[in-house]
């Protein structure tokens, strides 16, 4: 799978600024675009991330701070689904050229939340993004992973986050190239354990695609 240049990422961020439409801005609450023009102008491309072990490439659209953090958090915690179409379109543009020649993914799946949190929220935000990305890429989007019950990664100390959640593959995917979608990548531990589960089930390759990436100290954003 081809990996887009920083200019390609910046173009994708410009796209998400233009095409996210909804009833209200999820960042500031203003009526109209989601996000509004002012908040969209504050979105920044995600910093680069060295792929965790077992991951062939790790791509992210937005920096998870400021307006980008609020945009994704509203989807994650408040079911603000108006942002999904635009996010998914821009995310898909990171992994495929105009004719789709760059794409090496047989299917799309997602890093699941726990069953308890899915019941509590009524949805899994990573699944919403994955299914929308899959529609753009014309790929199937089966559920391949199960996350064991456990504490959320959000808010845990970095040392604990590095251990990652417990993730199991639900079926064999022998020789399959997998595009694995998530909402936010921070330490990369969830990506690592999910990729390990997929490779143990026979996956040929695993590329992670996230809506946002948490900047590390000293990261330079453009």
N, C-alpha and C. Protein backbone atom coordinates (compact mmCIF):
# COMPACT_ATOMS: atom_id res chain seq x y z
N UNK A 1 0.84 -1.19 0.00
CA UNK A 1 0.00 0.00 0.00
C UNK A 1 0.87 1.23 0.00
N UNK A 2 0.58 2.17 -0.86
CA UNK A 2 1.35 3.39 -0.89
C UNK A 2 1.04 4.27 0.30
N UNK A 3 2.05 4.98 0.81
CA UNK A 3 1.88 5.88 1.92
C UNK A 3 1.99 7.29 1.40
N UNK A 4 1.02 8.14 1.70
CA UNK A 4 0.97 9.47 1.14
C UNK A 4 2.04 10.37 1.75
N UNK A 5 2.52 11.33 0.99
CA UNK A 5 3.49 12.31 1.46
C UNK A 5 2.82 13.28 2.42
N UNK A 6 3.65 14.12 3.09
CA UNK A 6 3.09 15.11 3.99
C UNK A 6 2.20 16.09 3.22
N UNK A 7 2.55 16.38 1.97
CA UNK A 7 1.69 17.26 1.19
C UNK A 7 0.34 16.61 0.94
N UNK A 8 0.36 15.27 0.74
CA UNK A 8 -0.90 14.56 0.57
C UNK A 8 -1.74 14.61 1.83
N UNK A 9 -1.09 14.48 2.99
CA UNK A 9 -1.81 14.56 4.26
C UNK A 9 -2.41 15.95 4.42
N UNK A 10 -1.63 16.99 4.11
CA UNK A 10 -2.14 18.35 4.23
C UNK A 10 -3.34 18.56 3.32
N UNK A 11 -3.31 18.00 2.11
CA UNK A 11 -4.43 18.12 1.20
C UNK A 11 -5.66 17.43 1.78
N UNK A 12 -5.45 16.28 2.43
CA UNK A 12 -6.57 15.57 3.05
C UNK A 12 -7.19 16.40 4.17
N UNK A 13 -6.34 17.07 4.95
CA UNK A 13 -6.85 17.93 6.01
C UNK A 13 -7.64 19.08 5.42
N UNK A 14 -7.16 19.66 4.32
CA UNK A 14 -7.93 20.72 3.66
C UNK A 14 -9.27 20.18 3.18
N UNK A 15 -9.29 18.93 2.72
CA UNK A 15 -10.54 18.34 2.26
C UNK A 15 -11.54 18.18 3.40
N UNK A 16 -11.05 17.72 4.55
CA UNK A 16 -11.96 17.51 5.68
C UNK A 16 -12.48 18.86 6.16
N UNK A 17 -11.72 19.92 5.98
CA UNK A 17 -12.19 21.26 6.34
C UNK A 17 -13.38 21.67 5.46
N UNK A 18 -13.39 21.19 4.22
CA UNK A 18 -14.39 21.64 3.26
C UNK A 18 -15.65 20.79 3.25
N UNK A 19 -15.51 19.48 3.49
CA UNK A 19 -16.65 18.60 3.20
C UNK A 19 -17.42 18.15 4.43
N UNK A 20 -16.95 18.46 5.63
CA UNK A 20 -17.70 18.07 6.82
C UNK A 20 -18.89 19.01 6.99
N UNK A 21 -20.07 18.51 6.68
CA UNK A 21 -21.27 19.32 6.78
C UNK A 21 -22.22 18.72 7.79
N UNK A 22 -22.96 19.56 8.49
CA UNK A 22 -23.90 19.07 9.47
C UNK A 22 -24.78 20.18 9.97
N UNK A 23 -25.55 19.90 11.02
CA UNK A 23 -26.48 20.87 11.55
C UNK A 23 -25.75 21.89 12.42
N UNK A 24 -24.81 21.43 13.24
CA UNK A 24 -24.04 22.32 14.10
C UNK A 24 -22.58 21.91 14.08
N UNK A 25 -21.72 22.86 14.39
CA UNK A 25 -20.29 22.58 14.50
C UNK A 25 -20.05 21.78 15.77
N UNK A 26 -19.42 20.61 15.69
CA UNK A 26 -19.18 19.81 16.89
C UNK A 26 -18.12 20.41 17.80
N UNK A 27 -17.37 21.39 17.29
CA UNK A 27 -16.31 22.00 18.10
C UNK A 27 -16.85 23.15 18.94
N UNK A 28 -17.55 24.10 18.28
CA UNK A 28 -18.01 25.30 19.00
C UNK A 28 -19.52 25.39 19.13
N UNK A 29 -20.26 24.52 18.41
CA UNK A 29 -21.71 24.53 18.51
C UNK A 29 -22.42 25.49 17.58
N UNK A 30 -21.69 26.21 16.73
CA UNK A 30 -22.33 27.15 15.81
C UNK A 30 -23.15 26.39 14.77
N UNK A 31 -24.30 26.92 14.36
CA UNK A 31 -25.11 26.24 13.34
C UNK A 31 -24.44 26.28 11.98
N UNK A 32 -24.69 25.25 11.17
CA UNK A 32 -24.16 25.20 9.81
C UNK A 32 -23.18 24.09 9.62
N UNK A 33 -21.98 24.43 9.14
CA UNK A 33 -20.99 23.41 8.83
C UNK A 33 -20.53 22.67 10.08
N UNK A 34 -20.07 21.45 9.87
CA UNK A 34 -19.49 20.66 10.96
C UNK A 34 -18.15 20.10 10.49
N UNK A 35 -17.03 20.77 10.82
CA UNK A 35 -16.92 21.95 11.67
C UNK A 35 -17.21 23.24 10.90
N UNK A 36 -17.38 24.33 11.65
CA UNK A 36 -17.59 25.63 11.02
C UNK A 36 -16.27 26.10 10.39
N UNK A 37 -16.35 27.17 9.61
CA UNK A 37 -15.17 27.64 8.89
C UNK A 37 -14.05 28.01 9.86
N UNK A 38 -14.40 28.67 10.96
CA UNK A 38 -13.38 29.09 11.92
C UNK A 38 -12.68 27.89 12.56
N UNK A 39 -13.45 26.92 13.02
CA UNK A 39 -12.86 25.74 13.67
C UNK A 39 -12.11 24.87 12.65
N UNK A 40 -12.65 24.78 11.43
CA UNK A 40 -11.96 23.98 10.40
C UNK A 40 -10.59 24.55 10.11
N UNK A 41 -10.46 25.86 10.18
CA UNK A 41 -9.16 26.48 9.93
C UNK A 41 -8.14 26.15 10.99
N UNK A 42 -8.60 25.65 12.13
CA UNK A 42 -7.68 25.31 13.22
C UNK A 42 -7.31 23.82 13.25
N UNK A 43 -7.82 23.05 12.30
CA UNK A 43 -7.43 21.65 12.21
C UNK A 43 -6.00 21.55 11.69
N UNK A 44 -5.22 20.64 12.27
CA UNK A 44 -3.83 20.47 11.87
C UNK A 44 -3.58 19.01 11.48
N UNK A 45 -2.68 18.79 10.50
CA UNK A 45 -2.35 17.40 10.13
C UNK A 45 -1.70 16.66 11.29
N UNK A 46 -1.92 15.37 11.34
CA UNK A 46 -1.30 14.54 12.38
C UNK A 46 0.20 14.47 12.19
N UNK A 47 0.96 14.44 13.30
CA UNK A 47 2.40 14.19 13.18
C UNK A 47 2.63 12.76 12.73
N UNK A 48 3.77 12.51 12.13
CA UNK A 48 4.08 11.16 11.65
C UNK A 48 4.28 10.22 12.83
N UNK A 49 4.07 8.95 12.59
CA UNK A 49 4.19 7.92 13.62
C UNK A 49 4.93 6.73 13.07
N UNK A 50 6.00 6.32 13.75
CA UNK A 50 6.70 5.10 13.37
C UNK A 50 5.76 3.93 13.62
N UNK A 51 5.56 3.05 12.64
CA UNK A 51 4.62 1.94 12.84
C UNK A 51 5.02 1.07 14.02
N UNK A 52 4.06 0.71 14.88
CA UNK A 52 4.34 -0.22 15.96
C UNK A 52 4.72 -1.59 15.39
N UNK A 53 5.33 -2.46 16.20
CA UNK A 53 5.67 -3.80 15.72
C UNK A 53 4.45 -4.53 15.15
N UNK A 54 4.63 -5.13 13.99
CA UNK A 54 3.55 -5.87 13.35
C UNK A 54 2.69 -5.05 12.43
N UNK A 55 2.89 -3.72 12.42
CA UNK A 55 2.11 -2.82 11.58
C UNK A 55 2.98 -2.35 10.41
N UNK A 56 2.48 -2.50 9.20
CA UNK A 56 3.27 -2.12 8.01
C UNK A 56 3.35 -0.61 7.82
N UNK A 57 2.27 0.08 8.15
CA UNK A 57 2.25 1.54 8.08
C UNK A 57 1.17 2.03 9.02
N UNK A 58 1.38 3.23 9.57
CA UNK A 58 0.41 3.81 10.50
C UNK A 58 0.13 5.23 10.05
N UNK A 59 -1.07 5.47 9.55
CA UNK A 59 -1.46 6.75 8.98
C UNK A 59 -2.53 7.40 9.84
N UNK A 60 -2.48 8.71 9.97
CA UNK A 60 -3.50 9.44 10.71
C UNK A 60 -3.78 10.74 10.00
N UNK A 61 -5.00 11.24 10.14
CA UNK A 61 -5.42 12.44 9.43
C UNK A 61 -5.13 13.71 10.22
N UNK A 62 -5.64 13.81 11.45
CA UNK A 62 -5.59 15.05 12.22
C UNK A 62 -4.73 14.91 13.46
N UNK A 63 -4.18 16.03 13.92
CA UNK A 63 -3.55 16.07 15.23
C UNK A 63 -4.66 16.09 16.28
N UNK A 64 -4.54 15.23 17.27
CA UNK A 64 -5.56 15.12 18.31
C UNK A 64 -5.28 16.16 19.40
N UNK A 65 -5.51 17.41 19.03
CA UNK A 65 -5.39 18.52 19.96
C UNK A 65 -6.23 19.67 19.43
N UNK A 66 -6.63 20.56 20.30
CA UNK A 66 -7.42 21.71 19.89
C UNK A 66 -8.69 21.31 19.17
N UNK A 67 -8.91 21.93 18.01
CA UNK A 67 -10.13 21.66 17.25
C UNK A 67 -10.21 20.21 16.79
N UNK A 68 -9.06 19.62 16.43
CA UNK A 68 -9.05 18.22 16.00
C UNK A 68 -9.48 17.28 17.11
N UNK A 69 -9.02 17.55 18.32
CA UNK A 69 -9.40 16.73 19.47
C UNK A 69 -10.89 16.84 19.73
N UNK A 70 -11.41 18.06 19.71
CA UNK A 70 -12.83 18.25 19.98
C UNK A 70 -13.68 17.60 18.91
N UNK A 71 -13.26 17.69 17.66
CA UNK A 71 -14.01 17.10 16.55
C UNK A 71 -14.15 15.59 16.73
N UNK A 72 -13.04 14.91 16.99
CA UNK A 72 -13.07 13.46 17.12
C UNK A 72 -13.73 13.05 18.44
N UNK A 73 -13.49 13.81 19.50
CA UNK A 73 -14.07 13.47 20.80
C UNK A 73 -15.59 13.56 20.78
N UNK A 74 -16.13 14.52 20.03
CA UNK A 74 -17.59 14.62 19.94
C UNK A 74 -18.18 13.39 19.27
N UNK A 75 -17.50 12.82 18.30
CA UNK A 75 -17.96 11.56 17.71
C UNK A 75 -17.81 10.43 18.71
N UNK A 76 -16.66 10.39 19.38
CA UNK A 76 -16.34 9.28 20.27
C UNK A 76 -17.25 9.21 21.49
N UNK A 77 -17.52 10.37 22.08
CA UNK A 77 -18.23 10.38 23.35
C UNK A 77 -19.65 10.91 23.28
N UNK A 78 -20.00 11.64 22.20
CA UNK A 78 -21.32 12.28 22.15
C UNK A 78 -22.12 11.92 20.92
N UNK A 79 -21.64 10.93 20.16
CA UNK A 79 -22.40 10.40 19.03
C UNK A 79 -22.71 11.47 17.99
N UNK A 80 -21.78 12.38 17.75
CA UNK A 80 -21.97 13.44 16.75
C UNK A 80 -21.57 12.88 15.39
N UNK A 81 -22.51 12.14 14.75
CA UNK A 81 -22.19 11.39 13.55
C UNK A 81 -22.10 12.25 12.29
N UNK A 82 -22.46 13.51 12.38
CA UNK A 82 -22.36 14.37 11.21
C UNK A 82 -20.94 14.47 10.70
N UNK A 83 -19.95 14.21 11.55
CA UNK A 83 -18.55 14.33 11.13
C UNK A 83 -18.06 13.10 10.38
N UNK A 84 -18.78 11.98 10.45
CA UNK A 84 -18.28 10.72 9.90
C UNK A 84 -18.04 10.77 8.39
N UNK A 85 -18.99 11.25 7.57
CA UNK A 85 -18.74 11.22 6.12
C UNK A 85 -17.49 11.97 5.69
N UNK A 86 -17.30 13.17 6.22
CA UNK A 86 -16.13 13.95 5.83
C UNK A 86 -14.84 13.35 6.34
N UNK A 87 -14.84 12.90 7.59
CA UNK A 87 -13.65 12.26 8.14
C UNK A 87 -13.28 11.03 7.31
N UNK A 88 -14.27 10.20 7.02
CA UNK A 88 -14.00 8.96 6.29
C UNK A 88 -13.47 9.25 4.89
N UNK A 89 -14.04 10.24 4.21
CA UNK A 89 -13.57 10.58 2.87
C UNK A 89 -12.12 11.04 2.90
N UNK A 90 -11.78 11.89 3.87
CA UNK A 90 -10.41 12.38 3.96
C UNK A 90 -9.46 11.28 4.39
N UNK A 91 -9.89 10.41 5.30
CA UNK A 91 -9.05 9.28 5.72
C UNK A 91 -8.76 8.36 4.54
N UNK A 92 -9.80 8.07 3.76
CA UNK A 92 -9.61 7.18 2.61
C UNK A 92 -8.62 7.77 1.62
N UNK A 93 -8.59 9.09 1.50
CA UNK A 93 -7.69 9.73 0.54
C UNK A 93 -6.23 9.57 0.94
N UNK A 94 -5.96 9.22 2.20
CA UNK A 94 -4.58 9.03 2.64
C UNK A 94 -3.97 7.74 2.10
N UNK A 95 -4.81 6.79 1.71
CA UNK A 95 -4.29 5.47 1.35
C UNK A 95 -4.53 5.10 -0.10
N UNK A 96 -5.16 5.96 -0.86
CA UNK A 96 -5.40 5.62 -2.25
C UNK A 96 -5.27 6.84 -3.14
N UNK A 97 -4.71 6.62 -4.32
CA UNK A 97 -4.62 7.70 -5.30
C UNK A 97 -5.93 7.86 -6.03
N UNK A 98 -5.98 8.77 -7.00
CA UNK A 98 -7.21 9.03 -7.73
C UNK A 98 -7.80 7.80 -8.41
N UNK A 99 -6.93 6.90 -8.84
CA UNK A 99 -7.43 5.70 -9.54
C UNK A 99 -7.40 4.45 -8.67
N UNK A 100 -7.06 4.62 -7.38
CA UNK A 100 -7.04 3.48 -6.48
C UNK A 100 -5.83 2.60 -6.63
N UNK A 101 -4.85 3.01 -7.44
CA UNK A 101 -3.71 2.14 -7.72
C UNK A 101 -2.81 1.95 -6.51
N UNK A 102 -2.85 2.90 -5.55
CA UNK A 102 -1.97 2.80 -4.39
C UNK A 102 -2.47 1.79 -3.34
N UNK A 103 -3.73 1.43 -3.41
CA UNK A 103 -4.34 0.67 -2.34
C UNK A 103 -3.98 -0.80 -2.39
N UNK A 104 -3.52 -1.32 -1.28
CA UNK A 104 -3.27 -2.74 -1.13
C UNK A 104 -4.00 -3.21 0.12
N UNK A 105 -5.31 -3.31 0.02
CA UNK A 105 -6.13 -3.77 1.13
C UNK A 105 -7.26 -4.62 0.57
N UNK A 106 -7.33 -5.85 1.04
CA UNK A 106 -8.42 -6.72 0.61
C UNK A 106 -9.70 -6.41 1.35
N UNK A 107 -9.56 -5.89 2.56
CA UNK A 107 -10.74 -5.55 3.36
C UNK A 107 -10.38 -4.52 4.41
N UNK A 108 -11.41 -3.92 4.98
CA UNK A 108 -11.28 -2.93 6.04
C UNK A 108 -11.94 -3.50 7.30
N UNK A 109 -11.31 -3.29 8.46
CA UNK A 109 -11.94 -3.63 9.72
C UNK A 109 -11.57 -2.55 10.72
N UNK A 110 -11.90 -2.75 11.99
CA UNK A 110 -11.70 -1.69 12.97
C UNK A 110 -11.18 -2.26 14.30
N UNK A 111 -10.55 -1.37 15.07
CA UNK A 111 -10.14 -1.72 16.43
C UNK A 111 -11.36 -1.53 17.34
N UNK A 112 -11.91 -2.60 17.86
CA UNK A 112 -13.18 -2.48 18.59
C UNK A 112 -13.00 -1.94 20.00
N UNK A 113 -14.05 -1.28 20.49
CA UNK A 113 -14.12 -0.98 21.90
C UNK A 113 -14.64 -2.23 22.62
N UNK A 114 -14.70 -2.20 23.94
CA UNK A 114 -15.20 -3.37 24.67
C UNK A 114 -16.71 -3.48 24.49
N UNK A 115 -17.26 -4.70 24.63
CA UNK A 115 -18.71 -4.85 24.53
C UNK A 115 -19.47 -3.96 25.52
N UNK A 116 -18.94 -3.79 26.73
CA UNK A 116 -19.62 -2.96 27.73
C UNK A 116 -19.70 -1.51 27.29
N UNK A 117 -18.60 -0.97 26.74
CA UNK A 117 -18.63 0.43 26.32
C UNK A 117 -19.49 0.61 25.08
N UNK A 118 -19.52 -0.41 24.23
CA UNK A 118 -20.40 -0.32 23.06
C UNK A 118 -21.87 -0.28 23.51
N UNK A 119 -22.22 -1.11 24.48
CA UNK A 119 -23.59 -1.10 24.99
C UNK A 119 -23.91 0.25 25.65
N UNK A 120 -22.97 0.78 26.39
CA UNK A 120 -23.18 2.04 27.08
C UNK A 120 -23.39 3.19 26.10
N UNK A 121 -22.58 3.25 25.05
CA UNK A 121 -22.68 4.33 24.08
C UNK A 121 -23.74 4.07 23.02
N UNK A 122 -23.99 2.80 22.74
CA UNK A 122 -24.93 2.44 21.70
C UNK A 122 -24.30 2.33 20.32
N UNK A 123 -22.99 2.45 20.23
CA UNK A 123 -22.28 2.39 18.96
C UNK A 123 -20.79 2.25 19.26
N UNK A 124 -20.03 1.92 18.21
CA UNK A 124 -18.57 1.88 18.27
C UNK A 124 -18.08 2.87 17.22
N UNK A 125 -17.45 3.96 17.67
CA UNK A 125 -17.06 5.01 16.74
C UNK A 125 -16.05 4.54 15.70
N UNK A 126 -15.18 3.61 16.07
CA UNK A 126 -14.22 3.09 15.09
C UNK A 126 -14.93 2.29 14.01
N UNK A 127 -15.98 1.58 14.38
CA UNK A 127 -16.76 0.83 13.38
C UNK A 127 -17.46 1.79 12.42
N UNK A 128 -18.04 2.87 12.94
CA UNK A 128 -18.69 3.85 12.08
C UNK A 128 -17.71 4.39 11.03
N UNK A 129 -16.50 4.74 11.48
CA UNK A 129 -15.49 5.26 10.57
C UNK A 129 -15.06 4.19 9.57
N UNK A 130 -14.84 2.97 10.07
CA UNK A 130 -14.35 1.89 9.20
C UNK A 130 -15.35 1.58 8.09
N UNK A 131 -16.61 1.50 8.43
CA UNK A 131 -17.62 1.17 7.41
C UNK A 131 -17.74 2.29 6.38
N UNK A 132 -17.60 3.53 6.83
CA UNK A 132 -17.64 4.64 5.88
C UNK A 132 -16.40 4.67 4.99
N UNK A 133 -15.22 4.40 5.56
CA UNK A 133 -13.99 4.32 4.78
C UNK A 133 -14.11 3.19 3.76
N UNK A 134 -14.63 2.04 4.19
CA UNK A 134 -14.76 0.89 3.30
C UNK A 134 -15.66 1.20 2.11
N UNK A 135 -16.71 1.98 2.34
CA UNK A 135 -17.59 2.36 1.23
C UNK A 135 -16.83 3.21 0.21
N UNK A 136 -16.00 4.10 0.69
CA UNK A 136 -15.20 4.93 -0.23
C UNK A 136 -14.21 4.09 -1.02
N UNK A 137 -13.67 3.06 -0.38
CA UNK A 137 -12.64 2.24 -1.02
C UNK A 137 -13.22 1.02 -1.74
N UNK A 138 -14.53 0.83 -1.64
CA UNK A 138 -15.20 -0.31 -2.27
C UNK A 138 -14.59 -1.63 -1.80
N UNK A 139 -14.47 -1.75 -0.50
CA UNK A 139 -13.93 -2.96 0.12
C UNK A 139 -14.92 -3.49 1.15
N UNK A 140 -14.94 -4.79 1.39
CA UNK A 140 -15.79 -5.33 2.45
C UNK A 140 -15.29 -4.87 3.82
N UNK A 141 -16.18 -4.90 4.81
CA UNK A 141 -15.80 -4.42 6.15
C UNK A 141 -16.36 -5.38 7.21
N UNK A 142 -15.77 -6.56 7.33
CA UNK A 142 -16.24 -7.51 8.34
C UNK A 142 -15.67 -7.18 9.71
N UNK A 143 -16.34 -7.66 10.72
CA UNK A 143 -15.81 -7.56 12.09
C UNK A 143 -14.82 -8.70 12.28
N UNK A 144 -13.57 -8.37 12.58
CA UNK A 144 -12.53 -9.38 12.70
C UNK A 144 -11.95 -9.51 14.10
N UNK A 145 -12.17 -8.50 14.96
CA UNK A 145 -11.50 -8.47 16.26
C UNK A 145 -12.49 -8.36 17.40
N UNK A 146 -12.11 -8.93 18.53
CA UNK A 146 -12.87 -8.83 19.78
C UNK A 146 -11.95 -8.29 20.86
N UNK A 147 -12.41 -7.26 21.54
CA UNK A 147 -11.63 -6.68 22.63
C UNK A 147 -12.16 -7.19 23.96
N UNK A 148 -11.27 -7.77 24.75
CA UNK A 148 -11.64 -8.28 26.06
C UNK A 148 -12.03 -7.14 27.00
N UNK A 149 -12.91 -7.40 27.98
CA UNK A 149 -13.23 -6.37 28.96
C UNK A 149 -11.97 -5.89 29.68
N UNK A 150 -11.94 -4.61 29.97
CA UNK A 150 -10.79 -4.03 30.66
C UNK A 150 -10.94 -2.53 30.71
N UNK A 151 -10.06 -1.85 31.43
CA UNK A 151 -10.15 -0.40 31.54
C UNK A 151 -9.84 0.26 30.21
N UNK A 152 -10.45 1.42 29.94
CA UNK A 152 -10.16 2.14 28.70
C UNK A 152 -8.72 2.63 28.69
N UNK A 153 -8.16 2.75 27.48
CA UNK A 153 -6.81 3.27 27.34
C UNK A 153 -6.75 4.76 27.70
N UNK A 154 -7.82 5.48 27.39
CA UNK A 154 -7.86 6.92 27.64
C UNK A 154 -7.64 7.23 29.11
N UNK A 155 -6.70 8.11 29.38
CA UNK A 155 -6.46 8.55 30.75
C UNK A 155 -5.50 7.70 31.55
N UNK A 156 -5.08 6.57 31.01
CA UNK A 156 -4.15 5.71 31.74
C UNK A 156 -2.72 6.23 31.59
N UNK A 157 -1.86 5.98 32.58
CA UNK A 157 -0.44 6.37 32.44
C UNK A 157 0.17 5.70 31.22
N UNK A 158 1.14 6.38 30.61
CA UNK A 158 1.73 5.88 29.37
C UNK A 158 2.31 4.49 29.54
N UNK A 159 2.94 4.20 30.69
CA UNK A 159 3.52 2.88 30.91
C UNK A 159 2.46 1.79 30.86
N UNK A 160 1.27 2.09 31.40
CA UNK A 160 0.18 1.12 31.37
C UNK A 160 -0.41 1.01 29.97
N UNK A 161 -0.47 2.13 29.25
CA UNK A 161 -1.00 2.11 27.90
C UNK A 161 -0.17 1.23 26.99
N UNK A 162 1.14 1.21 27.21
CA UNK A 162 2.03 0.44 26.34
C UNK A 162 1.73 -1.06 26.39
N UNK A 163 1.13 -1.53 27.48
CA UNK A 163 0.79 -2.96 27.55
C UNK A 163 -0.35 -3.29 26.59
N UNK A 164 -1.21 -2.31 26.35
CA UNK A 164 -2.28 -2.49 25.38
C UNK A 164 -3.44 -3.32 25.92
N UNK A 165 -4.58 -3.26 25.25
CA UNK A 165 -5.73 -4.08 25.62
C UNK A 165 -5.55 -5.51 25.13
N UNK A 166 -6.42 -6.40 25.60
CA UNK A 166 -6.43 -7.78 25.12
C UNK A 166 -7.36 -7.87 23.92
N UNK A 167 -6.81 -8.28 22.78
CA UNK A 167 -7.57 -8.34 21.54
C UNK A 167 -7.42 -9.72 20.92
N UNK A 168 -8.52 -10.29 20.45
CA UNK A 168 -8.52 -11.61 19.82
C UNK A 168 -9.08 -11.51 18.41
N UNK A 169 -8.55 -12.34 17.51
CA UNK A 169 -9.11 -12.45 16.15
C UNK A 169 -10.31 -13.39 16.19
N UNK A 170 -11.35 -13.03 15.46
CA UNK A 170 -12.58 -13.83 15.47
C UNK A 170 -12.57 -14.93 14.41
N UNK A 171 -11.72 -14.80 13.38
CA UNK A 171 -11.66 -15.84 12.35
C UNK A 171 -10.35 -15.72 11.60
N UNK A 172 -10.05 -16.71 10.79
CA UNK A 172 -8.83 -16.72 9.99
C UNK A 172 -8.94 -15.73 8.84
N UNK A 173 -7.82 -15.10 8.53
CA UNK A 173 -7.76 -14.18 7.39
C UNK A 173 -6.48 -14.49 6.61
N UNK A 174 -6.34 -15.73 6.23
CA UNK A 174 -5.12 -16.20 5.59
C UNK A 174 -4.78 -15.41 4.33
N UNK A 175 -3.58 -14.82 4.32
CA UNK A 175 -3.09 -14.12 3.14
C UNK A 175 -3.77 -12.81 2.82
N UNK A 176 -4.54 -12.27 3.76
CA UNK A 176 -5.34 -11.07 3.50
C UNK A 176 -4.57 -9.81 3.92
N UNK A 177 -4.66 -8.76 3.09
CA UNK A 177 -4.13 -7.44 3.45
C UNK A 177 -5.24 -6.66 4.13
N UNK A 178 -4.99 -6.25 5.37
CA UNK A 178 -6.02 -5.63 6.21
C UNK A 178 -5.74 -4.15 6.41
N UNK A 179 -6.77 -3.33 6.22
CA UNK A 179 -6.72 -1.92 6.60
C UNK A 179 -7.49 -1.80 7.91
N UNK A 180 -6.80 -1.44 8.97
CA UNK A 180 -7.35 -1.43 10.32
C UNK A 180 -7.62 0.01 10.75
N UNK A 181 -8.88 0.35 10.96
CA UNK A 181 -9.29 1.72 11.25
C UNK A 181 -9.48 1.92 12.75
N UNK A 182 -9.02 3.08 13.24
CA UNK A 182 -9.25 3.47 14.63
C UNK A 182 -9.57 4.96 14.68
N UNK A 183 -10.09 5.41 15.81
CA UNK A 183 -10.38 6.83 15.93
C UNK A 183 -9.13 7.63 16.31
N UNK A 184 -8.39 7.19 17.32
CA UNK A 184 -7.22 7.93 17.79
C UNK A 184 -6.07 6.97 18.07
N UNK A 185 -4.88 7.32 17.64
CA UNK A 185 -3.66 6.58 17.98
C UNK A 185 -2.85 7.45 18.93
N UNK A 186 -2.48 6.87 20.09
CA UNK A 186 -1.65 7.61 21.05
C UNK A 186 -0.31 6.92 21.21
N UNK A 187 -0.26 5.86 21.99
CA UNK A 187 1.00 5.14 22.18
C UNK A 187 1.26 4.12 21.09
N UNK A 188 0.20 3.71 20.37
CA UNK A 188 0.33 2.66 19.36
C UNK A 188 0.14 1.27 19.90
N UNK A 189 -0.14 1.15 21.21
CA UNK A 189 -0.26 -0.18 21.81
C UNK A 189 -1.49 -0.93 21.31
N UNK A 190 -2.61 -0.23 21.15
CA UNK A 190 -3.81 -0.89 20.62
C UNK A 190 -3.59 -1.37 19.20
N UNK A 191 -2.89 -0.56 18.40
CA UNK A 191 -2.55 -0.96 17.04
C UNK A 191 -1.65 -2.19 17.05
N UNK A 192 -0.69 -2.20 17.96
CA UNK A 192 0.26 -3.32 18.03
C UNK A 192 -0.45 -4.63 18.37
N UNK A 193 -1.27 -4.63 19.42
CA UNK A 193 -1.90 -5.89 19.83
C UNK A 193 -2.95 -6.32 18.82
N UNK A 194 -3.62 -5.36 18.18
CA UNK A 194 -4.59 -5.72 17.14
C UNK A 194 -3.90 -6.32 15.93
N UNK A 195 -2.77 -5.73 15.54
CA UNK A 195 -2.01 -6.27 14.41
C UNK A 195 -1.48 -7.66 14.73
N UNK A 196 -1.03 -7.87 15.95
CA UNK A 196 -0.55 -9.20 16.35
C UNK A 196 -1.67 -10.23 16.23
N UNK A 197 -2.87 -9.85 16.67
CA UNK A 197 -4.01 -10.77 16.58
C UNK A 197 -4.33 -11.09 15.13
N UNK A 198 -4.30 -10.09 14.27
CA UNK A 198 -4.60 -10.31 12.85
C UNK A 198 -3.53 -11.16 12.18
N UNK A 199 -2.28 -10.90 12.50
CA UNK A 199 -1.19 -11.70 11.90
C UNK A 199 -1.23 -13.14 12.41
N UNK A 200 -1.60 -13.32 13.66
CA UNK A 200 -1.72 -14.69 14.18
C UNK A 200 -2.85 -15.43 13.48
N UNK A 201 -3.81 -14.66 12.93
CA UNK A 201 -4.91 -15.27 12.18
C UNK A 201 -4.60 -15.40 10.69
N UNK A 202 -3.36 -15.02 10.30
CA UNK A 202 -2.93 -15.24 8.93
C UNK A 202 -2.85 -14.03 8.04
N UNK A 203 -3.10 -12.82 8.57
CA UNK A 203 -3.06 -11.62 7.73
C UNK A 203 -1.69 -11.44 7.08
N UNK A 204 -1.71 -11.07 5.81
CA UNK A 204 -0.47 -10.85 5.07
C UNK A 204 0.16 -9.51 5.43
N UNK A 205 -0.68 -8.51 5.63
CA UNK A 205 -0.19 -7.18 6.00
C UNK A 205 -1.27 -6.47 6.80
N UNK A 206 -0.84 -5.49 7.60
CA UNK A 206 -1.77 -4.70 8.42
C UNK A 206 -1.33 -3.24 8.33
N UNK A 207 -2.21 -2.40 7.83
CA UNK A 207 -1.98 -0.95 7.81
C UNK A 207 -3.03 -0.30 8.69
N UNK A 208 -2.60 0.56 9.60
CA UNK A 208 -3.50 1.25 10.51
C UNK A 208 -3.84 2.63 9.94
N UNK A 209 -5.11 2.97 9.98
CA UNK A 209 -5.59 4.27 9.50
C UNK A 209 -6.45 4.87 10.60
N UNK A 210 -6.03 6.03 11.13
CA UNK A 210 -6.73 6.66 12.24
C UNK A 210 -7.24 8.04 11.87
N UNK A 211 -8.33 8.44 12.52
CA UNK A 211 -8.83 9.80 12.33
C UNK A 211 -7.88 10.83 12.92
N UNK A 212 -7.21 10.47 14.02
CA UNK A 212 -6.35 11.44 14.68
C UNK A 212 -5.18 10.75 15.37
N UNK A 213 -4.15 11.51 15.59
CA UNK A 213 -2.93 11.05 16.26
C UNK A 213 -2.59 12.04 17.37
N UNK A 214 -2.36 11.54 18.57
CA UNK A 214 -1.99 12.40 19.69
C UNK A 214 -0.55 12.86 19.52
N UNK A 215 -0.30 14.17 19.45
CA UNK A 215 1.08 14.64 19.30
C UNK A 215 1.91 14.29 20.53
N UNK A 216 3.13 13.92 20.29
CA UNK A 216 4.07 13.68 21.37
C UNK A 216 4.78 14.99 21.71
N UNK A 217 5.37 15.08 22.91
CA UNK A 217 6.08 16.31 23.27
C UNK A 217 7.14 16.65 22.23
N UNK A 218 7.13 17.89 21.80
CA UNK A 218 8.14 18.34 20.83
C UNK A 218 7.73 18.16 19.39
N UNK A 219 6.54 17.57 19.14
CA UNK A 219 6.10 17.36 17.75
C UNK A 219 5.85 18.71 17.08
N UNK A 220 6.24 18.80 15.82
CA UNK A 220 6.02 20.01 15.04
C UNK A 220 4.82 19.81 14.15
N UNK A 221 3.81 20.67 14.31
CA UNK A 221 2.60 20.57 13.52
C UNK A 221 2.53 21.71 12.52
N UNK A 222 1.91 21.44 11.36
CA UNK A 222 1.85 22.44 10.29
C UNK A 222 0.41 22.83 10.01
